[in-house]
Amino acid sequence: MFQGGIQALSRSYFTKIIPAGQSGEYFGLMDICGKGASFMGTTIVSVVSQMTGNVSKGVGMIAVLFVAGMVFFIYSLRVEPEKKEQREELIKSKLAVTEEY
């Protein structure tokens, strides 16, 4: 029910954070990662369910994958102080370009 809205929001946000001239490459990478995630998720659930003989444990692996993704996301948000200034300048320049249109 909510997947369409989430997908549209994630794509529109994604266009704001990627370099303007490289949208094709970044959207291609996003598509490949999405397909890989769907393949890996179902494979992990089925392997764990088959090994344990319990479907609940297989589905429980989805929670483990969410936690692993959250840890990776939080870790990737850490920015070194010298890169923080560069990042802020880049954001300001993107905002200036956006305001021109």
N, C-alpha and C. Protein backbone atom coordinates (compact mmCIF):
# COMPACT_ATOMS: atom_id res chain seq x y z
N MET A 1 0.82 -1.18 0.00
CA MET A 1 0.00 0.00 0.00
C MET A 1 0.87 1.26 0.00
N PHE A 2 1.95 1.28 0.78
CA PHE A 2 2.76 2.47 0.91
C PHE A 2 4.03 2.43 0.06
N GLN A 3 4.28 1.34 -0.61
CA GLN A 3 5.53 1.18 -1.35
C GLN A 3 5.67 2.20 -2.48
N GLY A 4 4.61 2.53 -3.17
CA GLY A 4 4.70 3.49 -4.27
C GLY A 4 5.13 4.86 -3.81
N GLY A 5 4.55 5.33 -2.72
CA GLY A 5 4.93 6.64 -2.18
C GLY A 5 6.35 6.67 -1.68
N ILE A 6 6.77 5.60 -1.02
CA ILE A 6 8.14 5.53 -0.51
C ILE A 6 9.12 5.52 -1.67
N GLN A 7 8.81 4.77 -2.72
CA GLN A 7 9.71 4.70 -3.86
C GLN A 7 9.81 6.06 -4.55
N ALA A 8 8.69 6.73 -4.72
CA ALA A 8 8.71 8.05 -5.36
C ALA A 8 9.49 9.06 -4.52
N LEU A 9 9.30 9.02 -3.22
CA LEU A 9 10.02 9.94 -2.34
C LEU A 9 11.51 9.66 -2.34
N SER A 10 11.88 8.38 -2.32
CA SER A 10 13.31 8.05 -2.31
C SER A 10 13.97 8.46 -3.62
N ARG A 11 13.28 8.30 -4.72
CA ARG A 11 13.86 8.70 -6.02
C ARG A 11 13.99 10.22 -6.12
N SER A 12 13.00 10.95 -5.65
CA SER A 12 13.09 12.42 -5.73
C SER A 12 14.18 12.94 -4.80
N TYR A 13 14.33 12.33 -3.62
CA TYR A 13 15.40 12.74 -2.72
C TYR A 13 16.76 12.37 -3.31
N PHE A 14 16.82 11.21 -3.95
CA PHE A 14 18.06 10.73 -4.55
C PHE A 14 18.55 11.70 -5.62
N THR A 15 17.62 12.28 -6.39
CA THR A 15 18.03 13.23 -7.43
C THR A 15 18.63 14.50 -6.83
N LYS A 16 18.26 14.83 -5.60
CA LYS A 16 18.80 16.02 -4.96
C LYS A 16 20.22 15.82 -4.44
N ILE A 17 20.59 14.59 -4.11
CA ILE A 17 21.89 14.37 -3.48
C ILE A 17 22.95 13.86 -4.43
N ILE A 18 22.60 13.54 -5.67
CA ILE A 18 23.60 13.04 -6.62
C ILE A 18 24.08 14.18 -7.51
N PRO A 19 25.28 14.04 -8.08
CA PRO A 19 25.77 15.07 -9.01
C PRO A 19 24.86 15.17 -10.24
N ALA A 20 24.64 16.37 -10.70
CA ALA A 20 23.67 16.62 -11.77
C ALA A 20 24.01 15.89 -13.07
N GLY A 21 25.25 15.84 -13.46
CA GLY A 21 25.61 15.24 -14.73
C GLY A 21 25.76 13.74 -14.70
N GLN A 22 25.65 13.13 -13.53
CA GLN A 22 25.87 11.69 -13.41
C GLN A 22 24.64 10.94 -12.94
N SER A 23 23.48 11.46 -13.23
CA SER A 23 22.26 10.82 -12.73
C SER A 23 22.06 9.42 -13.31
N GLY A 24 22.44 9.21 -14.55
CA GLY A 24 22.28 7.89 -15.17
C GLY A 24 23.08 6.82 -14.46
N GLU A 25 24.33 7.15 -14.14
CA GLU A 25 25.18 6.17 -13.45
C GLU A 25 24.66 5.85 -12.06
N TYR A 26 24.24 6.90 -11.34
CA TYR A 26 23.78 6.69 -9.97
C TYR A 26 22.45 5.93 -9.93
N PHE A 27 21.55 6.24 -10.85
CA PHE A 27 20.29 5.51 -10.88
C PHE A 27 20.50 4.07 -11.32
N GLY A 28 21.47 3.84 -12.21
CA GLY A 28 21.81 2.47 -12.59
C GLY A 28 22.35 1.69 -11.41
N LEU A 29 23.22 2.32 -10.64
CA LEU A 29 23.76 1.68 -9.44
C LEU A 29 22.66 1.40 -8.43
N MET A 30 21.74 2.35 -8.27
CA MET A 30 20.62 2.16 -7.35
C MET A 30 19.75 0.98 -7.79
N ASP A 31 19.52 0.85 -9.08
CA ASP A 31 18.72 -0.25 -9.60
C ASP A 31 19.41 -1.60 -9.39
N ILE A 32 20.70 -1.65 -9.66
CA ILE A 32 21.45 -2.90 -9.46
C ILE A 32 21.46 -3.29 -7.99
N CYS A 33 21.66 -2.32 -7.10
CA CYS A 33 21.66 -2.61 -5.66
C CYS A 33 20.28 -3.09 -5.20
N GLY A 34 19.23 -2.51 -5.75
CA GLY A 34 17.88 -2.93 -5.39
C GLY A 34 17.60 -4.36 -5.81
N LYS A 35 18.03 -4.71 -7.02
CA LYS A 35 17.83 -6.08 -7.49
C LYS A 35 18.68 -7.06 -6.69
N GLY A 36 19.90 -6.66 -6.37
CA GLY A 36 20.76 -7.52 -5.56
C GLY A 36 20.21 -7.73 -4.16
N ALA A 37 19.64 -6.67 -3.59
CA ALA A 37 19.06 -6.78 -2.25
C ALA A 37 17.86 -7.71 -2.24
N SER A 38 17.03 -7.63 -3.27
CA SER A 38 15.86 -8.52 -3.31
C SER A 38 16.29 -9.97 -3.47
N PHE A 39 17.33 -10.20 -4.25
CA PHE A 39 17.84 -11.56 -4.43
C PHE A 39 18.48 -12.08 -3.14
N MET A 40 19.32 -11.26 -2.52
CA MET A 40 20.03 -11.70 -1.30
C MET A 40 19.05 -11.91 -0.15
N GLY A 41 18.07 -11.04 -0.01
CA GLY A 41 17.11 -11.18 1.09
C GLY A 41 16.32 -12.47 1.01
N THR A 42 15.79 -12.77 -0.15
CA THR A 42 15.01 -14.01 -0.28
C THR A 42 15.89 -15.24 -0.16
N THR A 43 17.13 -15.14 -0.64
CA THR A 43 18.05 -16.28 -0.52
C THR A 43 18.39 -16.55 0.94
N ILE A 44 18.69 -15.51 1.69
CA ILE A 44 19.04 -15.68 3.10
C ILE A 44 17.87 -16.25 3.88
N VAL A 45 16.67 -15.71 3.65
CA VAL A 45 15.49 -16.22 4.36
C VAL A 45 15.25 -17.69 4.03
N SER A 46 15.36 -18.06 2.77
CA SER A 46 15.10 -19.45 2.40
C SER A 46 16.18 -20.39 2.93
N VAL A 47 17.44 -19.97 2.91
CA VAL A 47 18.52 -20.83 3.42
C VAL A 47 18.37 -21.04 4.92
N VAL A 48 18.10 -19.98 5.67
CA VAL A 48 17.94 -20.11 7.12
C VAL A 48 16.71 -20.95 7.44
N SER A 49 15.62 -20.75 6.72
CA SER A 49 14.41 -21.55 6.95
C SER A 49 14.68 -23.02 6.66
N GLN A 50 15.41 -23.29 5.60
CA GLN A 50 15.71 -24.67 5.23
C GLN A 50 16.67 -25.32 6.23
N MET A 51 17.66 -24.58 6.71
CA MET A 51 18.64 -25.13 7.65
C MET A 51 18.04 -25.39 9.02
N THR A 52 17.19 -24.48 9.49
CA THR A 52 16.63 -24.63 10.83
C THR A 52 15.32 -25.41 10.84
N GLY A 53 14.66 -25.48 9.70
CA GLY A 53 13.36 -26.14 9.65
C GLY A 53 12.25 -25.30 10.24
N ASN A 54 12.54 -24.02 10.49
CA ASN A 54 11.57 -23.13 11.10
C ASN A 54 11.47 -21.86 10.25
N VAL A 55 10.29 -21.62 9.70
CA VAL A 55 10.09 -20.46 8.84
C VAL A 55 10.22 -19.16 9.64
N SER A 56 9.83 -19.18 10.90
CA SER A 56 9.91 -17.98 11.73
C SER A 56 11.34 -17.49 11.88
N LYS A 57 12.28 -18.41 12.02
CA LYS A 57 13.68 -18.01 12.13
C LYS A 57 14.18 -17.45 10.81
N GLY A 58 13.69 -17.98 9.72
CA GLY A 58 14.06 -17.44 8.42
C GLY A 58 13.56 -16.03 8.23
N VAL A 59 12.32 -15.79 8.61
CA VAL A 59 11.75 -14.45 8.49
C VAL A 59 12.41 -13.51 9.50
N GLY A 60 12.82 -14.05 10.65
CA GLY A 60 13.53 -13.24 11.65
C GLY A 60 14.85 -12.69 11.13
N MET A 61 15.39 -13.35 10.13
CA MET A 61 16.63 -12.85 9.53
C MET A 61 16.44 -11.49 8.87
N ILE A 62 15.20 -11.18 8.49
CA ILE A 62 14.93 -9.86 7.91
C ILE A 62 15.25 -8.77 8.93
N ALA A 63 14.91 -9.01 10.20
CA ALA A 63 15.23 -8.05 11.26
C ALA A 63 16.74 -7.87 11.39
N VAL A 64 17.47 -8.97 11.27
CA VAL A 64 18.94 -8.89 11.34
C VAL A 64 19.47 -8.05 10.18
N LEU A 65 18.90 -8.23 9.00
CA LEU A 65 19.33 -7.45 7.85
C LEU A 65 19.01 -5.96 8.03
N PHE A 66 17.85 -5.65 8.62
CA PHE A 66 17.51 -4.26 8.89
C PHE A 66 18.49 -3.63 9.87
N VAL A 67 18.83 -4.36 10.93
CA VAL A 67 19.78 -3.84 11.92
C VAL A 67 21.15 -3.63 11.28
N ALA A 68 21.59 -4.58 10.47
CA ALA A 68 22.88 -4.43 9.79
C ALA A 68 22.86 -3.21 8.87
N GLY A 69 21.77 -3.00 8.16
CA GLY A 69 21.65 -1.83 7.30
C GLY A 69 21.65 -0.53 8.09
N MET A 70 20.98 -0.53 9.24
CA MET A 70 20.94 0.66 10.07
C MET A 70 22.33 0.99 10.63
N VAL A 71 23.07 -0.03 11.05
CA VAL A 71 24.43 0.19 11.55
C VAL A 71 25.31 0.76 10.44
N PHE A 72 25.20 0.18 9.25
CA PHE A 72 25.98 0.67 8.11
C PHE A 72 25.61 2.12 7.79
N PHE A 73 24.32 2.44 7.82
CA PHE A 73 23.86 3.79 7.53
C PHE A 73 24.39 4.79 8.54
N ILE A 74 24.30 4.46 9.83
CA ILE A 74 24.78 5.36 10.88
C ILE A 74 26.29 5.54 10.76
N TYR A 75 27.00 4.46 10.47
CA TYR A 75 28.45 4.55 10.31
C TYR A 75 28.83 5.43 9.12
N SER A 76 28.06 5.36 8.06
CA SER A 76 28.38 6.15 6.86
C SER A 76 28.08 7.63 7.05
N LEU A 77 27.28 7.99 8.05
CA LEU A 77 26.97 9.40 8.29
C LEU A 77 28.11 10.14 8.97
N ARG A 78 29.01 9.41 9.59
CA ARG A 78 30.13 10.06 10.26
C ARG A 78 31.04 10.68 9.22
N VAL A 79 31.28 11.97 9.40
CA VAL A 79 32.11 12.70 8.44
C VAL A 79 33.29 13.28 9.20
N GLU A 80 34.48 13.13 8.64
CA GLU A 80 35.66 13.70 9.26
C GLU A 80 35.57 15.22 9.22
N PRO A 81 36.13 15.92 10.22
CA PRO A 81 35.98 17.38 10.28
C PRO A 81 36.45 18.11 9.02
N GLU A 82 37.57 17.68 8.42
CA GLU A 82 38.06 18.40 7.23
C GLU A 82 37.14 18.17 6.04
N LYS A 83 36.47 17.03 5.99
CA LYS A 83 35.55 16.78 4.89
C LYS A 83 34.19 17.44 5.13
N LYS A 84 33.91 17.76 6.38
CA LYS A 84 32.63 18.37 6.70
C LYS A 84 32.50 19.74 6.02
N GLU A 85 33.59 20.52 6.02
CA GLU A 85 33.55 21.83 5.38
C GLU A 85 33.34 21.69 3.87
N GLN A 86 34.03 20.72 3.27
CA GLN A 86 33.86 20.48 1.83
C GLN A 86 32.42 20.08 1.52
N ARG A 87 31.85 19.26 2.38
CA ARG A 87 30.48 18.80 2.17
C ARG A 87 29.50 19.97 2.28
N GLU A 88 29.71 20.85 3.28
CA GLU A 88 28.83 22.00 3.44
C GLU A 88 28.92 22.95 2.25
N GLU A 89 30.15 23.15 1.72
CA GLU A 89 30.31 24.00 0.55
C GLU A 89 29.60 23.39 -0.67
N LEU A 90 29.70 22.08 -0.81
CA LEU A 90 29.04 21.40 -1.92
C LEU A 90 27.52 21.55 -1.82
N ILE A 91 26.99 21.41 -0.62
CA ILE A 91 25.55 21.55 -0.42
C ILE A 91 25.11 22.98 -0.75
N LYS A 92 25.90 23.97 -0.29
CA LYS A 92 25.55 25.37 -0.59
C LYS A 92 25.59 25.64 -2.09
N SER A 93 26.57 25.07 -2.78
CA SER A 93 26.65 25.30 -4.23
C SER A 93 25.48 24.63 -4.95
N LYS A 94 25.06 23.46 -4.47
CA LYS A 94 23.89 22.80 -5.07
C LYS A 94 22.63 23.61 -4.83
N LEU A 95 22.51 24.18 -3.62
CA LEU A 95 21.34 25.00 -3.33
C LEU A 95 21.33 26.25 -4.20
N ALA A 96 22.50 26.84 -4.44
CA ALA A 96 22.58 28.04 -5.28
C ALA A 96 22.17 27.71 -6.71
N VAL A 97 22.60 26.56 -7.22
CA VAL A 97 22.22 26.15 -8.57
C VAL A 97 20.73 25.90 -8.65
N THR A 98 20.17 25.27 -7.61
CA THR A 98 18.74 24.96 -7.58
C THR A 98 17.91 26.24 -7.56
N GLU A 99 18.37 27.25 -6.82
CA GLU A 99 17.62 28.50 -6.71
C GLU A 99 17.60 29.27 -8.03
N GLU A 100 18.60 29.05 -8.89
CA GLU A 100 18.64 29.75 -10.17
C GLU A 100 17.50 29.31 -11.08
N TYR A 101 17.07 28.07 -10.95
CA TYR A 101 16.01 27.55 -11.80
C TYR A 101 14.72 27.89 -11.17
